[in-house]
Amino acid sequence: MITYGVTDIQNKPSLIKAMDVAQIIDKRKHTTLGYFISSKYDNLIKPIIEKIDREEKLSKLKKLKQHQDLEFSELGVDDGIK
């Protein structure tokens, strides 16, 4: 993967047109700011990102349900959801 600094992109914006996949870094702070992925890969990446989002949301909902189940069991109440 090619790495570009923020200053490089600011000085030569045409670099973005030439990029396919690149890591954007701040060379002064030595930190990764993010990744650039060309829009031509949008059809490949979008379903993967949506799947990851769904899985994360389901995971959070399951944790919340477990937490609620614990609270209800402490109170002796059944929420009726299986």
PDB file of N, CA and C in Angstrom:
ATOM      1  N   MET A   1       0.839  -1.160   0.000  1.00  0.00           N
ATOM      2  CA  MET A   1       0.000   0.000   0.000  1.00  0.00           C
ATOM      3  C   MET A   1       0.892   1.234   0.000  1.00  0.00           C
ATOM      4  N   ILE A   2       0.514   2.186  -0.774  1.00  0.00           N
ATOM      5  CA  ILE A   2       1.276   3.431  -0.870  1.00  0.00           C
ATOM      6  C   ILE A   2       0.868   4.353   0.272  1.00  0.00           C
ATOM      7  N   THR A   3       1.826   5.082   0.815  1.00  0.00           N
ATOM      8  CA  THR A   3       1.584   6.007   1.916  1.00  0.00           C
ATOM      9  C   THR A   3       1.809   7.429   1.423  1.00  0.00           C
ATOM     10  N   TYR A   4       0.853   8.305   1.754  1.00  0.00           N
ATOM     11  CA  TYR A   4       0.966   9.716   1.399  1.00  0.00           C
ATOM     12  C   TYR A   4       0.826  10.557   2.647  1.00  0.00           C
ATOM     13  N   GLY A   5       1.606  11.632   2.705  1.00  0.00           N
ATOM     14  CA  GLY A   5       1.483  12.583   3.798  1.00  0.00           C
ATOM     15  C   GLY A   5       0.448  13.642   3.451  1.00  0.00           C
ATOM     16  N   VAL A   6      -0.097  14.266   4.468  1.00  0.00           N
ATOM     17  CA  VAL A   6      -1.098  15.310   4.260  1.00  0.00           C
ATOM     18  C   VAL A   6      -0.505  16.447   3.440  1.00  0.00           C
ATOM     19  N   THR A   7       0.704  16.836   3.757  1.00  0.00           N
ATOM     20  CA  THR A   7       1.366  17.936   3.046  1.00  0.00           C
ATOM     21  C   THR A   7       1.555  17.603   1.571  1.00  0.00           C
ATOM     22  N   ASP A   8       1.887  16.342   1.273  1.00  0.00           N
ATOM     23  CA  ASP A   8       2.050  15.924  -0.123  1.00  0.00           C
ATOM     24  C   ASP A   8       0.760  16.139  -0.904  1.00  0.00           C
ATOM     25  N   ILE A   9      -0.351  15.772  -0.297  1.00  0.00           N
ATOM     26  CA  ILE A   9      -1.647  15.901  -0.975  1.00  0.00           C
ATOM     27  C   ILE A   9      -2.043  17.371  -1.099  1.00  0.00           C
ATOM     28  N   GLN A  10      -1.742  18.169  -0.071  1.00  0.00           N
ATOM     29  CA  GLN A  10      -2.060  19.595  -0.131  1.00  0.00           C
ATOM     30  C   GLN A  10      -1.245  20.286  -1.218  1.00  0.00           C
ATOM     31  N   ASN A  11       0.001  19.890  -1.361  1.00  0.00           N
ATOM     32  CA  ASN A  11       0.874  20.506  -2.360  1.00  0.00           C
ATOM     33  C   ASN A  11       0.563  20.037  -3.774  1.00  0.00           C
ATOM     34  N   LYS A  12       0.080  18.806  -3.907  1.00  0.00           N
ATOM     35  CA  LYS A  12      -0.194  18.251  -5.228  1.00  0.00           C
ATOM     36  C   LYS A  12      -1.514  17.471  -5.184  1.00  0.00           C
ATOM     37  N   PRO A  13      -2.664  18.174  -5.245  1.00  0.00           N
ATOM     38  CA  PRO A  13      -3.970  17.518  -5.157  1.00  0.00           C
ATOM     39  C   PRO A  13      -4.218  16.476  -6.253  1.00  0.00           C
ATOM     40  N   SER A  14      -3.506  16.564  -7.363  1.00  0.00           N
ATOM     41  CA  SER A  14      -3.699  15.601  -8.444  1.00  0.00           C
ATOM     42  C   SER A  14      -3.274  14.192  -8.039  1.00  0.00           C
ATOM     43  N   LEU A  15      -2.582  14.054  -6.919  1.00  0.00           N
ATOM     44  CA  LEU A  15      -2.198  12.728  -6.424  1.00  0.00           C
ATOM     45  C   LEU A  15      -3.437  11.870  -6.155  1.00  0.00           C
ATOM     46  N   ILE A  16      -4.520  12.500  -5.723  1.00  0.00           N
ATOM     47  CA  ILE A  16      -5.739  11.751  -5.399  1.00  0.00           C
ATOM     48  C   ILE A  16      -6.277  11.033  -6.631  1.00  0.00           C
ATOM     49  N   LYS A  17      -6.173  11.668  -7.788  1.00  0.00           N
ATOM     50  CA  LYS A  17      -6.656  11.031  -9.023  1.00  0.00           C
ATOM     51  C   LYS A  17      -5.843   9.782  -9.362  1.00  0.00           C
ATOM     52  N   ALA A  18      -4.593   9.772  -8.971  1.00  0.00           N
ATOM     53  CA  ALA A  18      -3.713   8.643  -9.290  1.00  0.00           C
ATOM     54  C   ALA A  18      -3.796   7.519  -8.260  1.00  0.00           C
ATOM     55  N   MET A  19      -4.426   7.782  -7.112  1.00  0.00           N
ATOM     56  CA  MET A  19      -4.477   6.791  -6.035  1.00  0.00           C
ATOM     57  C   MET A  19      -5.554   5.747  -6.288  1.00  0.00           C
ATOM     58  N   ASP A  20      -5.257   4.517  -5.931  1.00  0.00           N
ATOM     59  CA  ASP A  20      -6.268   3.455  -5.876  1.00  0.00           C
ATOM     60  C   ASP A  20      -6.582   3.183  -4.407  1.00  0.00           C
ATOM     61  N   VAL A  21      -5.576   2.739  -3.691  1.00  0.00           N
ATOM     62  CA  VAL A  21      -5.684   2.504  -2.255  1.00  0.00           C
ATOM     63  C   VAL A  21      -4.429   3.105  -1.635  1.00  0.00           C
ATOM     64  N   ALA A  22      -4.623   3.941  -0.622  1.00  0.00           N
ATOM     65  CA  ALA A  22      -3.474   4.595  -0.008  1.00  0.00           C
ATOM     66  C   ALA A  22      -3.733   4.862   1.464  1.00  0.00           C
ATOM     67  N   GLN A  23      -2.656   4.930   2.208  1.00  0.00           N
ATOM     68  CA  GLN A  23      -2.720   5.283   3.617  1.00  0.00           C
ATOM     69  C   GLN A  23      -2.342   6.755   3.728  1.00  0.00           C
ATOM     70  N   ILE A  24      -3.163   7.521   4.442  1.00  0.00           N
ATOM     71  CA  ILE A  24      -2.901   8.945   4.630  1.00  0.00           C
ATOM     72  C   ILE A  24      -2.338   9.117   6.045  1.00  0.00           C
ATOM     73  N   ILE A  25      -1.163   9.730   6.130  1.00  0.00           N
ATOM     74  CA  ILE A  25      -0.522   9.897   7.428  1.00  0.00           C
ATOM     75  C   ILE A  25      -0.163  11.354   7.672  1.00  0.00           C
ATOM     76  N   ASP A  26      -0.015  11.682   8.928  1.00  0.00           N
ATOM     77  CA  ASP A  26       0.513  12.983   9.333  1.00  0.00           C
ATOM     78  C   ASP A  26       1.952  12.725   9.750  1.00  0.00           C
ATOM     79  N   LYS A  27       2.877  13.131   8.912  1.00  0.00           N
ATOM     80  CA  LYS A  27       4.285  12.811   9.153  1.00  0.00           C
ATOM     81  C   LYS A  27       4.842  13.534  10.372  1.00  0.00           C
ATOM     82  N   ARG A  28       4.269  14.703  10.702  1.00  0.00           N
ATOM     83  CA  ARG A  28       4.767  15.445  11.862  1.00  0.00           C
ATOM     84  C   ARG A  28       4.393  14.747  13.172  1.00  0.00           C
ATOM     85  N   LYS A  29       3.168  14.214  13.226  1.00  0.00           N
ATOM     86  CA  LYS A  29       2.705  13.550  14.451  1.00  0.00           C
ATOM     87  C   LYS A  29       2.945  12.045  14.425  1.00  0.00           C
ATOM     88  N   HIS A  30       3.375  11.535  13.269  1.00  0.00           N
ATOM     89  CA  HIS A  30       3.617  10.099  13.091  1.00  0.00           C
ATOM     90  C   HIS A  30       2.367   9.275  13.401  1.00  0.00           C
ATOM     91  N   THR A  31       1.237   9.730  12.861  1.00  0.00           N
ATOM     92  CA  THR A  31      -0.026   9.019  13.070  1.00  0.00           C
ATOM     93  C   THR A  31      -0.728   8.769  11.736  1.00  0.00           C
ATOM     94  N   THR A  32      -1.469   7.701  11.683  1.00  0.00           N
ATOM     95  CA  THR A  32      -2.274   7.389  10.509  1.00  0.00           C
ATOM     96  C   THR A  32      -3.608   8.101  10.655  1.00  0.00           C
ATOM     97  N   LEU A  33      -3.967   8.887   9.650  1.00  0.00           N
ATOM     98  CA  LEU A  33      -5.237   9.610   9.687  1.00  0.00           C
ATOM     99  C   LEU A  33      -6.367   8.792   9.087  1.00  0.00           C
ATOM    100  N   GLY A  34      -6.033   7.917   8.163  1.00  0.00           N
ATOM    101  CA  GLY A  34      -7.063   7.095   7.548  1.00  0.00           C
ATOM    102  C   GLY A  34      -6.555   6.490   6.258  1.00  0.00           C
ATOM    103  N   TYR A  35      -7.505   5.951   5.521  1.00  0.00           N
ATOM    104  CA  TYR A  35      -7.164   5.284   4.269  1.00  0.00           C
ATOM    105  C   TYR A  35      -8.027   5.847   3.158  1.00  0.00           C
ATOM    106  N   PHE A  36      -7.457   5.971   1.981  1.00  0.00           N
ATOM    107  CA  PHE A  36      -8.185   6.425   0.805  1.00  0.00           C
ATOM    108  C   PHE A  36      -8.405   5.221  -0.102  1.00  0.00           C
ATOM    109  N   ILE A  37      -9.659   5.025  -0.490  1.00  0.00           N
ATOM    110  CA  ILE A  37      -9.998   3.954  -1.423  1.00  0.00           C
ATOM    111  C   ILE A  37     -10.753   4.579  -2.577  1.00  0.00           C
ATOM    112  N   SER A  38     -10.285   4.344  -3.767  1.00  0.00           N
ATOM    113  CA  SER A  38     -10.888   4.926  -4.965  1.00  0.00           C
ATOM    114  C   SER A  38     -12.344   4.501  -5.107  1.00  0.00           C
ATOM    115  N   SER A  39     -13.149   5.385  -5.669  1.00  0.00           N
ATOM    116  CA  SER A  39     -14.581   5.097  -5.832  1.00  0.00           C
ATOM    117  C   SER A  39     -14.833   3.946  -6.811  1.00  0.00           C
ATOM    118  N   LYS A  40     -13.842   3.591  -7.611  1.00  0.00           N
ATOM    119  CA  LYS A  40     -14.060   2.471  -8.533  1.00  0.00           C
ATOM    120  C   LYS A  40     -14.175   1.138  -7.800  1.00  0.00           C
ATOM    121  N   TYR A  41     -13.793   1.107  -6.525  1.00  0.00           N
ATOM    122  CA  TYR A  41     -13.929  -0.105  -5.711  1.00  0.00           C
ATOM    123  C   TYR A  41     -15.184  -0.063  -4.836  1.00  0.00           C
ATOM    124  N   ASP A  42     -15.996   0.961  -5.025  1.00  0.00           N
ATOM    125  CA  ASP A  42     -17.186   1.155  -4.193  1.00  0.00           C
ATOM    126  C   ASP A  42     -18.128  -0.042  -4.228  1.00  0.00           C
ATOM    127  N   ASN A  43     -18.347  -0.620  -5.402  1.00  0.00           N
ATOM    128  CA  ASN A  43     -19.262  -1.762  -5.527  1.00  0.00           C
ATOM    129  C   ASN A  43     -18.765  -2.987  -4.771  1.00  0.00           C
ATOM    130  N   LEU A  44     -17.463  -3.119  -4.621  1.00  0.00           N
ATOM    131  CA  LEU A  44     -16.896  -4.250  -3.895  1.00  0.00           C
ATOM    132  C   LEU A  44     -16.903  -4.030  -2.382  1.00  0.00           C
ATOM    133  N   ILE A  45     -16.640  -2.810  -1.973  1.00  0.00           N
ATOM    134  CA  ILE A  45     -16.424  -2.520  -0.566  1.00  0.00           C
ATOM    135  C   ILE A  45     -17.721  -2.213   0.181  1.00  0.00           C
ATOM    136  N   LYS A  46     -18.668  -1.574  -0.481  1.00  0.00           N
ATOM    137  CA  LYS A  46     -19.898  -1.154   0.198  1.00  0.00           C
ATOM    138  C   LYS A  46     -20.652  -2.316   0.852  1.00  0.00           C
ATOM    139  N   PRO A  47     -20.868  -3.457   0.174  1.00  0.00           N
ATOM    140  CA  PRO A  47     -21.557  -4.571   0.839  1.00  0.00           C
ATOM    141  C   PRO A  47     -20.798  -5.104   2.063  1.00  0.00           C
ATOM    142  N   ILE A  48     -19.484  -5.090   1.999  1.00  0.00           N
ATOM    143  CA  ILE A  48     -18.674  -5.567   3.123  1.00  0.00           C
ATOM    144  C   ILE A  48     -18.838  -4.635   4.321  1.00  0.00           C
ATOM    145  N   ILE A  49     -18.798  -3.335   4.072  1.00  0.00           N
ATOM    146  CA  ILE A  49     -18.957  -2.358   5.150  1.00  0.00           C
ATOM    147  C   ILE A  49     -20.352  -2.471   5.765  1.00  0.00           C
ATOM    148  N   GLU A  50     -21.382  -2.636   4.923  1.00  0.00           N
ATOM    149  CA  GLU A  50     -22.747  -2.783   5.429  1.00  0.00           C
ATOM    150  C   GLU A  50     -22.880  -4.042   6.281  1.00  0.00           C
ATOM    151  N   LYS A  51     -22.240  -5.133   5.861  1.00  0.00           N
ATOM    152  CA  LYS A  51     -22.286  -6.384   6.624  1.00  0.00           C
ATOM    153  C   LYS A  51     -21.624  -6.202   7.987  1.00  0.00           C
ATOM    154  N   ILE A  52     -20.487  -5.536   8.012  1.00  0.00           N
ATOM    155  CA  ILE A  52     -19.788  -5.286   9.271  1.00  0.00           C
ATOM    156  C   ILE A  52     -20.648  -4.413  10.188  1.00  0.00           C
ATOM    157  N   ASP A  53     -21.280  -3.383   9.626  1.00  0.00           N
ATOM    158  CA  ASP A  53     -22.164  -2.526  10.422  1.00  0.00           C
ATOM    159  C   ASP A  53     -23.316  -3.317  11.028  1.00  0.00           C
ATOM    160  N   ARG A  54     -23.946  -4.182  10.215  1.00  0.00           N
ATOM    161  CA  ARG A  54     -25.062  -5.007  10.715  1.00  0.00           C
ATOM    162  C   ARG A  54     -24.599  -5.916  11.848  1.00  0.00           C
ATOM    163  N   GLU A  55     -23.438  -6.546  11.664  1.00  0.00           N
ATOM    164  CA  GLU A  55     -22.914  -7.458  12.687  1.00  0.00           C
ATOM    165  C   GLU A  55     -22.602  -6.707  13.987  1.00  0.00           C
ATOM    166  N   GLU A  56     -22.046  -5.500  13.865  1.00  0.00           N
ATOM    167  CA  GLU A  56     -21.738  -4.709  15.055  1.00  0.00           C
ATOM    168  C   GLU A  56     -23.028  -4.311  15.779  1.00  0.00           C
ATOM    169  N   LYS A  57     -24.040  -3.904  15.016  1.00  0.00           N
ATOM    170  CA  LYS A  57     -25.312  -3.517  15.623  1.00  0.00           C
ATOM    171  C   LYS A  57     -25.970  -4.708  16.310  1.00  0.00           C
ATOM    172  N   LEU A  58     -25.954  -5.878  15.653  1.00  0.00           N
ATOM    173  CA  LEU A  58     -26.524  -7.077  16.265  1.00  0.00           C
ATOM    174  C   LEU A  58     -25.780  -7.456  17.546  1.00  0.00           C
ATOM    175  N   SER A  59     -24.479  -7.340  17.526  1.00  0.00           N
ATOM    176  CA  SER A  59     -23.675  -7.647  18.700  1.00  0.00           C
ATOM    177  C   SER A  59     -24.045  -6.723  19.861  1.00  0.00           C
ATOM    178  N   LYS A  60     -24.205  -5.434  19.557  1.00  0.00           N
ATOM    179  CA  LYS A  60     -24.577  -4.477  20.605  1.00  0.00           C
ATOM    180  C   LYS A  60     -25.972  -4.784  21.137  1.00  0.00           C
ATOM    181  N   LEU A  61     -26.907  -5.133  20.250  1.00  0.00           N
ATOM    182  CA  LEU A  61     -28.262  -5.458  20.687  1.00  0.00           C
ATOM    183  C   LEU A  61     -28.280  -6.705  21.565  1.00  0.00           C
ATOM    184  N   LYS A  62     -27.469  -7.713  21.196  1.00  0.00           N
ATOM    185  CA  LYS A  62     -27.405  -8.942  22.005  1.00  0.00           C
ATOM    186  C   LYS A  62     -26.843  -8.661  23.392  1.00  0.00           C
ATOM    187  N   LYS A  63     -25.812  -7.806  23.455  1.00  0.00           N
ATOM    188  CA  LYS A  63     -25.241  -7.445  24.756  1.00  0.00           C
ATOM    189  C   LYS A  63     -26.270  -6.696  25.595  1.00  0.00           C
ATOM    190  N   LEU A  64     -27.008  -5.790  24.959  1.00  0.00           N
ATOM    191  CA  LEU A  64     -28.042  -5.048  25.657  1.00  0.00           C
ATOM    192  C   LEU A  64     -29.132  -5.990  26.176  1.00  0.00           C
ATOM    193  N   LYS A  65     -29.527  -6.964  25.337  1.00  0.00           N
ATOM    194  CA  LYS A  65     -30.549  -7.931  25.735  1.00  0.00           C
ATOM    195  C   LYS A  65     -30.070  -8.760  26.923  1.00  0.00           C
ATOM    196  N   GLN A  66     -28.806  -9.196  26.878  1.00  0.00           N
ATOM    197  CA  GLN A  66     -28.256  -9.962  27.998  1.00  0.00           C
ATOM    198  C   GLN A  66     -28.272  -9.130  29.279  1.00  0.00           C
ATOM    199  N   HIS A  67     -27.920  -7.862  29.136  1.00  0.00           N
ATOM    200  CA  HIS A  67     -27.907  -6.966  30.292  1.00  0.00           C
ATOM    201  C   HIS A  67     -29.321  -6.797  30.850  1.00  0.00           C
ATOM    202  N   GLN A  68     -30.293  -6.612  29.949  1.00  0.00           N
ATOM    203  CA  GLN A  68     -31.680  -6.472  30.383  1.00  0.00           C
ATOM    204  C   GLN A  68     -32.173  -7.768  31.029  1.00  0.00           C
ATOM    205  N   ASP A  69     -31.806  -8.910  30.455  1.00  0.00           N
ATOM    206  CA  ASP A  69     -32.199 -10.198  31.030  1.00  0.00           C
ATOM    207  C   ASP A  69     -31.671 -10.324  32.455  1.00  0.00           C
ATOM    208  N   LEU A  70     -30.426  -9.891  32.670  1.00  0.00           N
ATOM    209  CA  LEU A  70     -29.854  -9.946  34.013  1.00  0.00           C
ATOM    210  C   LEU A  70     -30.626  -9.053  34.975  1.00  0.00           C
ATOM    211  N   GLU A  71     -30.971  -7.841  34.508  1.00  0.00           N
ATOM    212  CA  GLU A  71     -31.732  -6.932  35.359  1.00  0.00           C
ATOM    213  C   GLU A  71     -33.098  -7.518  35.694  1.00  0.00           C
ATOM    214  N   PHE A  72     -33.776  -8.090  34.680  1.00  0.00           N
ATOM    215  CA  PHE A  72     -35.091  -8.675  34.912  1.00  0.00           C
ATOM    216  C   PHE A  72     -35.007  -9.890  35.837  1.00  0.00           C
ATOM    217  N   SER A  73     -33.945 -10.681  35.674  1.00  0.00           N
ATOM    218  CA  SER A  73     -33.824 -11.859  36.534  1.00  0.00           C
ATOM    219  C   SER A  73     -33.578 -11.450  37.982  1.00  0.00           C
ATOM    220  N   GLU A  74     -32.876 -10.324  38.173  1.00  0.00           N
ATOM    221  CA  GLU A  74     -32.664  -9.827  39.524  1.00  0.00           C
ATOM    222  C   GLU A  74     -33.979  -9.365  40.139  1.00  0.00           C
ATOM    223  N   LEU A  75     -34.870  -8.830  39.280  1.00  0.00           N
ATOM    224  CA  LEU A  75     -36.162  -8.359  39.752  1.00  0.00           C
ATOM    225  C   LEU A  75     -37.206  -9.478  39.786  1.00  0.00           C
ATOM    226  N   GLY A  76     -36.884 -10.584  39.126  1.00  0.00           N
ATOM    227  CA  GLY A  76     -37.823 -11.698  39.063  1.00  0.00           C
ATOM    228  C   GLY A  76     -38.898 -11.513  38.030  1.00  0.00           C
ATOM    229  N   VAL A  77     -38.594 -10.752  36.952  1.00  0.00           N
ATOM    230  CA  VAL A  77     -39.564 -10.483  35.891  1.00  0.00           C
ATOM    231  C   VAL A  77     -39.056 -11.119  34.603  1.00  0.00           C
ATOM    232  N   ASP A  78     -39.964 -11.739  33.840  1.00  0.00           N
ATOM    233  CA  ASP A  78     -39.619 -12.337  32.548  1.00  0.00           C
ATOM    234  C   ASP A  78     -40.087 -11.387  31.465  1.00  0.00           C
ATOM    235  N   ASP A  79     -39.184 -10.992  30.555  1.00  0.00           N
ATOM    236  CA  ASP A  79     -39.571 -10.068  29.492  1.00  0.00           C
ATOM    237  C   ASP A  79     -40.353 -10.751  28.371  1.00  0.00           C
ATOM    238  N   GLY A  80     -40.384 -12.075  28.343  1.00  0.00           N
ATOM    239  CA  GLY A  80     -41.156 -12.810  27.353  1.00  0.00           C
ATOM    240  C   GLY A  80     -40.494 -12.939  26.004  1.00  0.00           C
ATOM    241  N   ILE A  81     -39.285 -12.392  25.848  1.00  0.00           N
ATOM    242  CA  ILE A  81     -38.572 -12.462  24.561  1.00  0.00           C
ATOM    243  C   ILE A  81     -37.526 -13.550  24.651  1.00  0.00           C
ATOM    244  N   LYS A  82     -37.504 -14.411  23.650  1.00  0.00           N
ATOM    245  CA  LYS A  82     -36.540 -15.508  23.614  1.00  0.00           C
ATOM    246  C   LYS A  82     -35.498 -15.246  22.574  1.00  0.00           C
TER     247      LYS A  82
END
